[in-house]
PDB file of N, CA and C in Angstrom:
ATOM      1  N   UNK A   1     -98.961 236.726 -24.325  1.00  0.00           N
ATOM      2  CA  UNK A   1     -98.710 235.945 -23.114  1.00  0.00           C
ATOM      3  C   UNK A   1     -97.680 236.669 -22.250  1.00  0.00           C
ATOM      4  N   UNK A   2     -97.927 236.826 -20.978  1.00  0.00           N
ATOM      5  CA  UNK A   2     -97.021 237.529 -20.077  1.00  0.00           C
ATOM      6  C   UNK A   2     -95.694 236.755 -19.928  1.00  0.00           C
ATOM      7  N   UNK A   3     -94.630 237.509 -19.745  1.00  0.00           N
ATOM      8  CA  UNK A   3     -93.312 236.922 -19.580  1.00  0.00           C
ATOM      9  C   UNK A   3     -92.645 237.478 -18.327  1.00  0.00           C
ATOM     10  N   UNK A   4     -91.769 236.739 -17.777  1.00  0.00           N
ATOM     11  CA  UNK A   4     -90.902 237.200 -16.710  1.00  0.00           C
ATOM     12  C   UNK A   4     -89.466 237.268 -17.217  1.00  0.00           C
ATOM     13  N   UNK A   5     -88.768 238.334 -16.859  1.00  0.00           N
ATOM     14  CA  UNK A   5     -87.361 238.477 -17.223  1.00  0.00           C
ATOM     15  C   UNK A   5     -86.536 238.348 -15.950  1.00  0.00           C
ATOM     16  N   UNK A   6     -85.527 237.436 -15.988  1.00  0.00           N
ATOM     17  CA  UNK A   6     -84.661 237.261 -14.846  1.00  0.00           C
ATOM     18  C   UNK A   6     -83.265 237.823 -15.207  1.00  0.00           C
ATOM     19  N   UNK A   7     -82.732 238.666 -14.309  1.00  0.00           N
ATOM     20  CA  UNK A   7     -81.419 239.256 -14.521  1.00  0.00           C
ATOM     21  C   UNK A   7     -80.624 238.982 -13.231  1.00  0.00           C
ATOM     22  N   UNK A   8     -79.540 238.165 -13.351  1.00  0.00           N
ATOM     23  CA  UNK A   8     -78.684 237.916 -12.174  1.00  0.00           C
ATOM     24  C   UNK A   8     -77.442 238.777 -12.316  1.00  0.00           C
ATOM     25  N   UNK A   9     -76.988 239.325 -11.196  1.00  0.00           N
ATOM     26  CA  UNK A   9     -75.812 240.132 -11.266  1.00  0.00           C
ATOM     27  C   UNK A   9     -74.945 239.833  -9.997  1.00  0.00           C
ATOM     28  N   UNK A  10     -73.650 239.757 -10.258  1.00  0.00           N
ATOM     29  CA  UNK A  10     -72.710 239.618  -9.131  1.00  0.00           C
ATOM     30  C   UNK A  10     -72.231 241.085  -8.904  1.00  0.00           C
ATOM     31  N   UNK A  11     -72.456 241.615  -7.704  1.00  0.00           N
ATOM     32  CA  UNK A  11     -72.128 242.996  -7.422  1.00  0.00           C
ATOM     33  C   UNK A  11     -71.243 243.056  -6.198  1.00  0.00           C
ATOM     34  N   UNK A  12     -69.937 243.372  -6.425  1.00  0.00           N
ATOM     35  CA  UNK A  12     -69.052 243.531  -5.234  1.00  0.00           C
ATOM     36  C   UNK A  12     -69.633 244.585  -4.312  1.00  0.00           C
ATOM     37  N   UNK A  13     -69.476 244.347  -3.009  1.00  0.00           N
ATOM     38  CA  UNK A  13     -70.068 245.218  -1.981  1.00  0.00           C
ATOM     39  C   UNK A  13     -69.775 246.616  -2.162  1.00  0.00           C
ATOM     40  N   UNK A  14     -68.574 246.978  -2.576  1.00  0.00           N
ATOM     41  CA  UNK A  14     -68.235 248.441  -2.735  1.00  0.00           C
ATOM     42  C   UNK A  14     -68.962 249.061  -3.936  1.00  0.00           C
ATOM     43  N   UNK A  15     -69.562 248.260  -4.803  1.00  0.00           N
ATOM     44  CA  UNK A  15     -70.249 248.852  -5.922  1.00  0.00           C
ATOM     45  C   UNK A  15     -71.783 248.822  -5.784  1.00  0.00           C
ATOM     46  N   UNK A  16     -72.289 248.105  -4.785  1.00  0.00           N
ATOM     47  CA  UNK A  16     -73.722 247.983  -4.548  1.00  0.00           C
ATOM     48  C   UNK A  16     -74.402 249.320  -4.364  1.00  0.00           C
ATOM     49  N   UNK A  17     -73.714 250.206  -3.604  1.00  0.00           N
ATOM     50  CA  UNK A  17     -74.315 251.563  -3.373  1.00  0.00           C
ATOM     51  C   UNK A  17     -74.479 252.348  -4.668  1.00  0.00           C
ATOM     52  N   UNK A  18     -73.649 252.073  -5.643  1.00  0.00           N
ATOM     53  CA  UNK A  18     -73.761 252.790  -6.930  1.00  0.00           C
ATOM     54  C   UNK A  18     -74.831 252.116  -7.825  1.00  0.00           C
ATOM     55  N   UNK A  19     -74.931 250.759  -7.698  1.00  0.00           N
ATOM     56  CA  UNK A  19     -75.832 250.029  -8.537  1.00  0.00           C
ATOM     57  C   UNK A  19     -77.282 250.321  -8.191  1.00  0.00           C
ATOM     58  N   UNK A  20     -77.603 250.297  -6.917  1.00  0.00           N
ATOM     59  CA  UNK A  20     -78.997 250.353  -6.480  1.00  0.00           C
ATOM     60  C   UNK A  20     -79.742 251.551  -7.025  1.00  0.00           C
ATOM     61  N   UNK A  21     -79.196 252.800  -6.971  1.00  0.00           N
ATOM     62  CA  UNK A  21     -79.896 253.917  -7.580  1.00  0.00           C
ATOM     63  C   UNK A  21     -80.133 253.772  -9.136  1.00  0.00           C
ATOM     64  N   UNK A  22     -79.206 253.147  -9.837  1.00  0.00           N
ATOM     65  CA  UNK A  22     -79.329 252.911 -11.264  1.00  0.00           C
ATOM     66  C   UNK A  22     -80.484 251.924 -11.518  1.00  0.00           C
ATOM     67  N   UNK A  23     -80.606 250.890 -10.741  1.00  0.00           N
ATOM     68  CA  UNK A  23     -81.629 249.892 -10.861  1.00  0.00           C
ATOM     69  C   UNK A  23     -83.028 250.546 -10.584  1.00  0.00           C
ATOM     70  N   UNK A  24     -83.042 251.424  -9.533  1.00  0.00           N
ATOM     71  CA  UNK A  24     -84.330 252.149  -9.231  1.00  0.00           C
ATOM     72  C   UNK A  24     -84.714 253.081 -10.334  1.00  0.00           C
ATOM     73  N   UNK A  25     -83.719 253.728 -10.938  1.00  0.00           N
ATOM     74  CA  UNK A  25     -83.999 254.703 -12.012  1.00  0.00           C
ATOM     75  C   UNK A  25     -84.534 253.918 -13.252  1.00  0.00           C
ATOM     76  N   UNK A  26     -83.928 252.795 -13.493  1.00  0.00           N
ATOM     77  CA  UNK A  26     -84.342 251.953 -14.668  1.00  0.00           C
ATOM     78  C   UNK A  26     -85.791 251.520 -14.443  1.00  0.00           C
ATOM     79  N   UNK A  27     -86.106 251.012 -13.228  1.00  0.00           N
ATOM     80  CA  UNK A  27     -87.465 250.545 -12.975  1.00  0.00           C
ATOM     81  C   UNK A  27     -88.482 251.714 -13.091  1.00  0.00           C
ATOM     82  N   UNK A  28     -88.099 252.876 -12.615  1.00  0.00           N
ATOM     83  CA  UNK A  28     -88.965 254.030 -12.757  1.00  0.00           C
ATOM     84  C   UNK A  28     -89.317 254.333 -14.196  1.00  0.00           C
ATOM     85  N   UNK A  29     -88.324 254.268 -15.041  1.00  0.00           N
ATOM     86  CA  UNK A  29     -88.563 254.479 -16.482  1.00  0.00           C
ATOM     87  C   UNK A  29     -89.423 253.397 -17.072  1.00  0.00           C
ATOM     88  N   UNK A  30     -89.153 252.174 -16.672  1.00  0.00           N
ATOM     89  CA  UNK A  30     -89.873 251.028 -17.244  1.00  0.00           C
ATOM     90  C   UNK A  30     -91.343 251.068 -16.882  1.00  0.00           C
ATOM     91  N   UNK A  31     -91.682 251.619 -15.717  1.00  0.00           N
ATOM     92  CA  UNK A  31     -93.108 251.620 -15.337  1.00  0.00           C
ATOM     93  C   UNK A  31     -93.917 252.515 -16.338  1.00  0.00           C
ATOM     94  N   UNK A  32     -93.312 253.360 -17.051  1.00  0.00           N
ATOM     95  CA  UNK A  32     -94.027 254.183 -18.020  1.00  0.00           C
ATOM     96  C   UNK A  32     -93.969 253.587 -19.430  1.00  0.00           C
ATOM     97  N   UNK A  33     -93.325 252.411 -19.567  1.00  0.00           N
ATOM     98  CA  UNK A  33     -93.169 251.863 -20.897  1.00  0.00           C
ATOM     99  C   UNK A  33     -94.300 250.875 -21.113  1.00  0.00           C
ATOM    100  N   UNK A  34     -94.776 250.812 -22.365  1.00  0.00           N
ATOM    101  CA  UNK A  34     -95.859 249.905 -22.831  1.00  0.00           C
ATOM    102  C   UNK A  34     -95.574 248.486 -22.432  1.00  0.00           C
ATOM    103  N   UNK A  35     -96.511 247.856 -21.710  1.00  0.00           N
ATOM    104  CA  UNK A  35     -96.450 246.432 -21.459  1.00  0.00           C
ATOM    105  C   UNK A  35     -95.763 246.103 -20.098  1.00  0.00           C
ATOM    106  N   UNK A  36     -95.209 247.036 -19.388  1.00  0.00           N
ATOM    107  CA  UNK A  36     -94.587 246.761 -18.121  1.00  0.00           C
ATOM    108  C   UNK A  36     -95.705 246.419 -17.056  1.00  0.00           C
ATOM    109  N   UNK A  37     -95.501 245.387 -16.366  1.00  0.00           N
ATOM    110  CA  UNK A  37     -96.447 245.028 -15.276  1.00  0.00           C
ATOM    111  C   UNK A  37     -95.845 245.224 -13.926  1.00  0.00           C
ATOM    112  N   UNK A  38     -94.741 244.636 -13.649  1.00  0.00           N
ATOM    113  CA  UNK A  38     -94.107 244.833 -12.290  1.00  0.00           C
ATOM    114  C   UNK A  38     -92.602 244.415 -12.296  1.00  0.00           C
ATOM    115  N   UNK A  39     -91.943 244.752 -11.218  1.00  0.00           N
ATOM    116  CA  UNK A  39     -90.572 244.439 -11.087  1.00  0.00           C
ATOM    117  C   UNK A  39     -90.148 244.384  -9.636  1.00  0.00           C
ATOM    118  N   UNK A  40     -89.135 243.604  -9.329  1.00  0.00           N
ATOM    119  CA  UNK A  40     -88.561 243.525  -7.971  1.00  0.00           C
ATOM    120  C   UNK A  40     -87.131 243.232  -8.075  1.00  0.00           C
ATOM    121  N   UNK A  41     -86.360 243.705  -7.036  1.00  0.00           N
ATOM    122  CA  UNK A  41     -84.954 243.418  -6.926  1.00  0.00           C
ATOM    123  C   UNK A  41     -84.761 242.615  -5.660  1.00  0.00           C
ATOM    124  N   UNK A  42     -84.048 241.524  -5.782  1.00  0.00           N
ATOM    125  CA  UNK A  42     -83.759 240.635  -4.654  1.00  0.00           C
ATOM    126  C   UNK A  42     -82.280 240.454  -4.404  1.00  0.00           C
ATOM    127  N   UNK A  43     -81.900 240.400  -3.152  1.00  0.00           N
ATOM    128  CA  UNK A  43     -80.488 240.175  -2.791  1.00  0.00           C
ATOM    129  C   UNK A  43     -80.410 238.850  -2.039  1.00  0.00           C
ATOM    130  N   UNK A  44     -79.450 238.023  -2.453  1.00  0.00           N
ATOM    131  CA  UNK A  44     -79.285 236.670  -1.843  1.00  0.00           C
ATOM    132  C   UNK A  44     -78.847 236.800  -0.376  1.00  0.00           C
ATOM    133  N   UNK A  45     -79.614 236.130   0.498  1.00  0.00           N
ATOM    134  CA  UNK A  45     -79.345 236.173   1.904  1.00  0.00           C
ATOM    135  C   UNK A  45     -78.024 235.463   2.234  1.00  0.00           C
ATOM    136  N   UNK A  46     -77.652 234.469   1.484  1.00  0.00           N
ATOM    137  CA  UNK A  46     -76.503 233.693   1.780  1.00  0.00           C
ATOM    138  C   UNK A  46     -75.255 234.158   1.030  1.00  0.00           C
ATOM    139  N   UNK A  47     -75.442 235.037   0.012  1.00  0.00           N
ATOM    140  CA  UNK A  47     -74.374 235.551  -0.741  1.00  0.00           C
ATOM    141  C   UNK A  47     -74.759 237.032  -1.129  1.00  0.00           C
ATOM    142  N   UNK A  48     -74.406 237.942  -0.289  1.00  0.00           N
ATOM    143  CA  UNK A  48     -74.907 239.362  -0.339  1.00  0.00           C
ATOM    144  C   UNK A  48     -74.420 240.057  -1.653  1.00  0.00           C
ATOM    145  N   UNK A  49     -73.479 239.478  -2.362  1.00  0.00           N
ATOM    146  CA  UNK A  49     -73.021 240.077  -3.621  1.00  0.00           C
ATOM    147  C   UNK A  49     -73.876 239.631  -4.847  1.00  0.00           C
ATOM    148  N   UNK A  50     -74.813 238.752  -4.615  1.00  0.00           N
ATOM    149  CA  UNK A  50     -75.661 238.285  -5.708  1.00  0.00           C
ATOM    150  C   UNK A  50     -77.004 238.985  -5.683  1.00  0.00           C
ATOM    151  N   UNK A  51     -77.382 239.585  -6.809  1.00  0.00           N
ATOM    152  CA  UNK A  51     -78.652 240.244  -6.875  1.00  0.00           C
ATOM    153  C   UNK A  51     -79.454 239.598  -7.989  1.00  0.00           C
ATOM    154  N   UNK A  52     -80.799 239.615  -7.950  1.00  0.00           N
ATOM    155  CA  UNK A  52     -81.615 239.174  -9.054  1.00  0.00           C
ATOM    156  C   UNK A  52     -82.713 240.205  -9.241  1.00  0.00           C
ATOM    157  N   UNK A  53     -82.963 240.604 -10.471  1.00  0.00           N
ATOM    158  CA  UNK A  53     -84.070 241.465 -10.778  1.00  0.00           C
ATOM    159  C   UNK A  53     -85.037 240.620 -11.546  1.00  0.00           C
ATOM    160  N   UNK A  54     -86.321 240.701 -11.142  1.00  0.00           N
ATOM    161  CA  UNK A  54     -87.331 239.979 -11.892  1.00  0.00           C
ATOM    162  C   UNK A  54     -88.389 240.982 -12.309  1.00  0.00           C
ATOM    163  N   UNK A  55     -88.589 241.078 -13.640  1.00  0.00           N
ATOM    164  CA  UNK A  55     -89.642 241.979 -14.100  1.00  0.00           C
ATOM    165  C   UNK A  55     -90.705 241.164 -14.914  1.00  0.00           C
ATOM    166  N   UNK A  56     -91.887 241.641 -14.924  1.00  0.00           N
ATOM    167  CA  UNK A  56     -93.011 241.003 -15.612  1.00  0.00           C
ATOM    168  C   UNK A  56     -93.482 241.948 -16.676  1.00  0.00           C
ATOM    169  N   UNK A  57     -93.606 241.410 -17.879  1.00  0.00           N
ATOM    170  CA  UNK A  57     -94.138 242.220 -19.026  1.00  0.00           C
ATOM    171  C   UNK A  57     -95.314 241.485 -19.685  1.00  0.00           C
ATOM    172  N   UNK A  58     -96.189 242.261 -20.334  1.00  0.00           N
ATOM    173  CA  UNK A  58     -97.355 241.657 -20.949  1.00  0.00           C
ATOM    174  C   UNK A  58     -96.961 240.722 -22.058  1.00  0.00           C
ATOM    175  N   UNK A  59     -95.870 241.011 -22.738  1.00  0.00           N
ATOM    176  CA  UNK A  59     -95.447 240.092 -23.852  1.00  0.00           C
ATOM    177  C   UNK A  59     -93.930 240.226 -24.063  1.00  0.00           C
ATOM    178  N   UNK A  60     -93.346 239.214 -24.733  1.00  0.00           N
ATOM    179  CA  UNK A  60     -91.933 239.339 -25.039  1.00  0.00           C
ATOM    180  C   UNK A  60     -91.643 240.459 -25.969  1.00  0.00           C
ATOM    181  N   UNK A  61     -92.601 240.815 -26.834  1.00  0.00           N
ATOM    182  CA  UNK A  61     -92.424 241.906 -27.752  1.00  0.00           C
ATOM    183  C   UNK A  61     -92.307 243.281 -26.993  1.00  0.00           C
ATOM    184  N   UNK A  62     -93.168 243.428 -25.936  1.00  0.00           N
ATOM    185  CA  UNK A  62     -93.047 244.621 -25.129  1.00  0.00           C
ATOM    186  C   UNK A  62     -91.635 244.694 -24.476  1.00  0.00           C
ATOM    187  N   UNK A  63     -91.105 243.572 -23.956  1.00  0.00           N
ATOM    188  CA  UNK A  63     -89.814 243.547 -23.428  1.00  0.00           C
ATOM    189  C   UNK A  63     -88.764 243.882 -24.417  1.00  0.00           C
ATOM    190  N   UNK A  64     -88.870 243.347 -25.698  1.00  0.00           N
ATOM    191  CA  UNK A  64     -87.931 243.718 -26.704  1.00  0.00           C
ATOM    192  C   UNK A  64     -87.945 245.174 -27.084  1.00  0.00           C
ATOM    193  N   UNK A  65     -89.147 245.787 -27.089  1.00  0.00           N
ATOM    194  CA  UNK A  65     -89.227 247.238 -27.397  1.00  0.00           C
ATOM    195  C   UNK A  65     -88.572 248.045 -26.323  1.00  0.00           C
ATOM    196  N   UNK A  66     -88.701 247.612 -25.062  1.00  0.00           N
ATOM    197  CA  UNK A  66     -88.057 248.290 -23.909  1.00  0.00           C
ATOM    198  C   UNK A  66     -86.522 248.183 -24.072  1.00  0.00           C
ATOM    199  N   UNK A  67     -86.025 247.066 -24.531  1.00  0.00           N
ATOM    200  CA  UNK A  67     -84.606 246.886 -24.718  1.00  0.00           C
ATOM    201  C   UNK A  67     -84.031 247.903 -25.731  1.00  0.00           C
ATOM    202  N   UNK A  68     -84.865 248.294 -26.714  1.00  0.00           N
ATOM    203  CA  UNK A  68     -84.475 249.289 -27.734  1.00  0.00           C
ATOM    204  C   UNK A  68     -84.543 250.722 -27.262  1.00  0.00           C
ATOM    205  N   UNK A  69     -85.201 250.959 -26.149  1.00  0.00           N
ATOM    206  CA  UNK A  69     -85.419 252.315 -25.644  1.00  0.00           C
ATOM    207  C   UNK A  69     -84.095 252.993 -25.377  1.00  0.00           C
ATOM    208  N   UNK A  70     -83.961 254.225 -25.727  1.00  0.00           N
ATOM    209  CA  UNK A  70     -82.777 255.027 -25.522  1.00  0.00           C
ATOM    210  C   UNK A  70     -82.520 255.212 -24.006  1.00  0.00           C
ATOM    211  N   UNK A  71     -83.614 255.439 -23.265  1.00  0.00           N
ATOM    212  CA  UNK A  71     -83.477 255.606 -21.803  1.00  0.00           C
ATOM    213  C   UNK A  71     -82.896 254.312 -21.168  1.00  0.00           C
ATOM    214  N   UNK A  72     -83.394 253.195 -21.635  1.00  0.00           N
ATOM    215  CA  UNK A  72     -82.902 251.882 -21.082  1.00  0.00           C
ATOM    216  C   UNK A  72     -81.480 251.683 -21.456  1.00  0.00           C
ATOM    217  N   UNK A  73     -81.130 251.974 -22.719  1.00  0.00           N
ATOM    218  CA  UNK A  73     -79.723 251.789 -23.165  1.00  0.00           C
ATOM    219  C   UNK A  73     -78.765 252.657 -22.368  1.00  0.00           C
ATOM    220  N   UNK A  74     -79.167 253.876 -22.107  1.00  0.00           N
ATOM    221  CA  UNK A  74     -78.252 254.767 -21.362  1.00  0.00           C
ATOM    222  C   UNK A  74     -78.001 254.275 -19.898  1.00  0.00           C
ATOM    223  N   UNK A  75     -79.011 253.929 -19.240  1.00  0.00           N
ATOM    224  CA  UNK A  75     -78.790 253.406 -17.850  1.00  0.00           C
ATOM    225  C   UNK A  75     -78.085 252.041 -17.850  1.00  0.00           C
ATOM    226  N   UNK A  76     -78.446 251.178 -18.824  1.00  0.00           N
ATOM    227  CA  UNK A  76     -77.840 249.876 -18.919  1.00  0.00           C
ATOM    228  C   UNK A  76     -76.308 250.015 -19.178  1.00  0.00           C
ATOM    229  N   UNK A  77     -75.963 250.975 -19.956  1.00  0.00           N
ATOM    230  CA  UNK A  77     -74.517 251.180 -20.232  1.00  0.00           C
ATOM    231  C   UNK A  77     -73.786 251.657 -18.936  1.00  0.00           C
ATOM    232  N   UNK A  78     -74.447 252.367 -18.134  1.00  0.00           N
ATOM    233  CA  UNK A  78     -73.807 252.745 -16.801  1.00  0.00           C
ATOM    234  C   UNK A  78     -73.666 251.562 -15.876  1.00  0.00           C
ATOM    235  N   UNK A  79     -74.667 250.700 -15.875  1.00  0.00           N
ATOM    236  CA  UNK A  79     -74.640 249.462 -15.019  1.00  0.00           C
ATOM    237  C   UNK A  79     -73.557 248.572 -15.543  1.00  0.00           C
ATOM    238  N   UNK A  80     -73.486 248.327 -16.887  1.00  0.00           N
ATOM    239  CA  UNK A  80     -72.495 247.409 -17.471  1.00  0.00           C
ATOM    240  C   UNK A  80     -71.083 247.934 -17.182  1.00  0.00           C
ATOM    241  N   UNK A  81     -70.908 249.282 -17.302  1.00  0.00           N
ATOM    242  CA  UNK A  81     -69.621 249.856 -17.070  1.00  0.00           C
ATOM    243  C   UNK A  81     -69.181 249.746 -15.576  1.00  0.00           C
ATOM    244  N   UNK A  82     -70.159 249.950 -14.677  1.00  0.00           N
ATOM    245  CA  UNK A  82     -69.921 249.783 -13.236  1.00  0.00           C
ATOM    246  C   UNK A  82     -69.470 248.333 -12.851  1.00  0.00           C
ATOM    247  N   UNK A  83     -70.227 247.350 -13.459  1.00  0.00           N
ATOM    248  CA  UNK A  83     -69.936 245.983 -13.119  1.00  0.00           C
ATOM    249  C   UNK A  83     -68.908 245.285 -14.034  1.00  0.00           C
ATOM    250  N   UNK A  84     -68.482 246.004 -15.087  1.00  0.00           N
ATOM    251  CA  UNK A  84     -67.389 245.440 -15.922  1.00  0.00           C
ATOM    252  C   UNK A  84     -67.814 244.316 -16.887  1.00  0.00           C
ATOM    253  N   UNK A  85     -69.090 244.354 -17.319  1.00  0.00           N
ATOM    254  CA  UNK A  85     -69.527 243.286 -18.288  1.00  0.00           C
ATOM    255  C   UNK A  85     -70.935 243.561 -18.728  1.00  0.00           C
ATOM    256  N   UNK A  86     -71.306 242.863 -19.792  1.00  0.00           N
ATOM    257  CA  UNK A  86     -72.635 243.028 -20.368  1.00  0.00           C
ATOM    258  C   UNK A  86     -73.697 242.194 -19.522  1.00  0.00           C
ATOM    259  N   UNK A  87     -74.798 242.871 -19.285  1.00  0.00           N
ATOM    260  CA  UNK A  87     -75.880 242.198 -18.523  1.00  0.00           C
ATOM    261  C   UNK A  87     -76.537 241.126 -19.377  1.00  0.00           C
ATOM    262  N   UNK A  88     -76.766 239.965 -18.819  1.00  0.00           N
ATOM    263  CA  UNK A  88     -77.398 238.843 -19.536  1.00  0.00           C
ATOM    264  C   UNK A  88     -78.832 238.725 -18.977  1.00  0.00           C
ATOM    265  N   UNK A  89     -79.785 238.344 -19.849  1.00  0.00           N
ATOM    266  CA  UNK A  89     -81.226 238.238 -19.488  1.00  0.00           C
ATOM    267  C   UNK A  89     -81.692 236.842 -19.800  1.00  0.00           C
ATOM    268  N   UNK A  90     -82.616 236.355 -19.053  1.00  0.00           N
ATOM    269  CA  UNK A  90     -83.371 235.121 -19.300  1.00  0.00           C
ATOM    270  C   UNK A  90     -84.848 235.459 -19.397  1.00  0.00           C
ATOM    271  N   UNK A  91     -85.525 234.962 -20.385  1.00  0.00           N
ATOM    272  CA  UNK A  91     -86.927 235.245 -20.611  1.00  0.00           C
ATOM    273  C   UNK A  91     -87.724 233.993 -20.399  1.00  0.00           C
ATOM    274  N   UNK A  92     -88.734 234.031 -19.510  1.00  0.00           N
ATOM    275  CA  UNK A  92     -89.587 232.922 -19.185  1.00  0.00           C
ATOM    276  C   UNK A  92     -91.059 233.281 -19.448  1.00  0.00           C
ATOM    277  N   UNK A  93     -91.877 232.271 -19.835  1.00  0.00           N
ATOM    278  CA  UNK A  93     -93.314 232.521 -19.979  1.00  0.00           C
ATOM    279  C   UNK A  93     -93.975 231.576 -19.009  1.00  0.00           C
ATOM    280  N   UNK A  94     -95.251 231.770 -18.833  1.00  0.00           N
ATOM    281  CA  UNK A  94     -96.113 230.968 -17.991  1.00  0.00           C
ATOM    282  C   UNK A  94     -96.528 229.658 -18.659  1.00  0.00           C
ATOM    283  N   UNK A  95     -96.524 228.561 -17.928  1.00  0.00           N
ATOM    284  CA  UNK A  95     -97.070 227.311 -18.438  1.00  0.00           C
ATOM    285  C   UNK A  95     -96.194 226.643 -19.483  1.00  0.00           C
ATOM    286  N   UNK A  96     -96.887 225.794 -20.218  1.00  0.00           N
ATOM    287  CA  UNK A  96     -96.242 225.016 -21.301  1.00  0.00           C
ATOM    288  C   UNK A  96     -96.684 225.537 -22.603  1.00  0.00           C
ATOM    289  N   UNK A  97     -95.803 225.692 -23.486  1.00  0.00           N
ATOM    290  CA  UNK A  97     -96.135 226.121 -24.874  1.00  0.00           C
ATOM    291  C   UNK A  97     -96.476 224.892 -25.687  1.00  0.00           C
ATOM    292  N   UNK A  98     -97.620 224.934 -26.361  1.00  0.00           N
ATOM    293  CA  UNK A  98     -98.019 223.752 -27.144  1.00  0.00           C
ATOM    294  C   UNK A  98     -97.652 223.960 -28.631  1.00  0.00           C
TER     295      UNK A  98
END
C-alpha cells in the first residue's frame, strides 16, 4: 500500500538558501531508490519560514529502506546540523485500515 511521508521544518530565512539545495539533492537520490513515486517541497505562504516536504512511496518498507541508505543519512546529517535538530517524519497511508 502506498504511503505519504510528511516532513515539516522551521527554516530561518538566512538558512533557507542552504537548505534548498540539500533537499533537491536528497530528492534526486531518492528518485533512484526502490519504491519512490514522487515528492514535492512546499513553503507556507503565511509563514515563509515553514516548509513541508511530501513524498510518496510504494510501501512503508520502501521508505524504511531509504531511511537506512548511506546517501540519505549523509544529506540528512547536513540538514539536521544546519537546522539544529533531528528531522521528524509522519507516515500516512491511503484510506482506512481494516
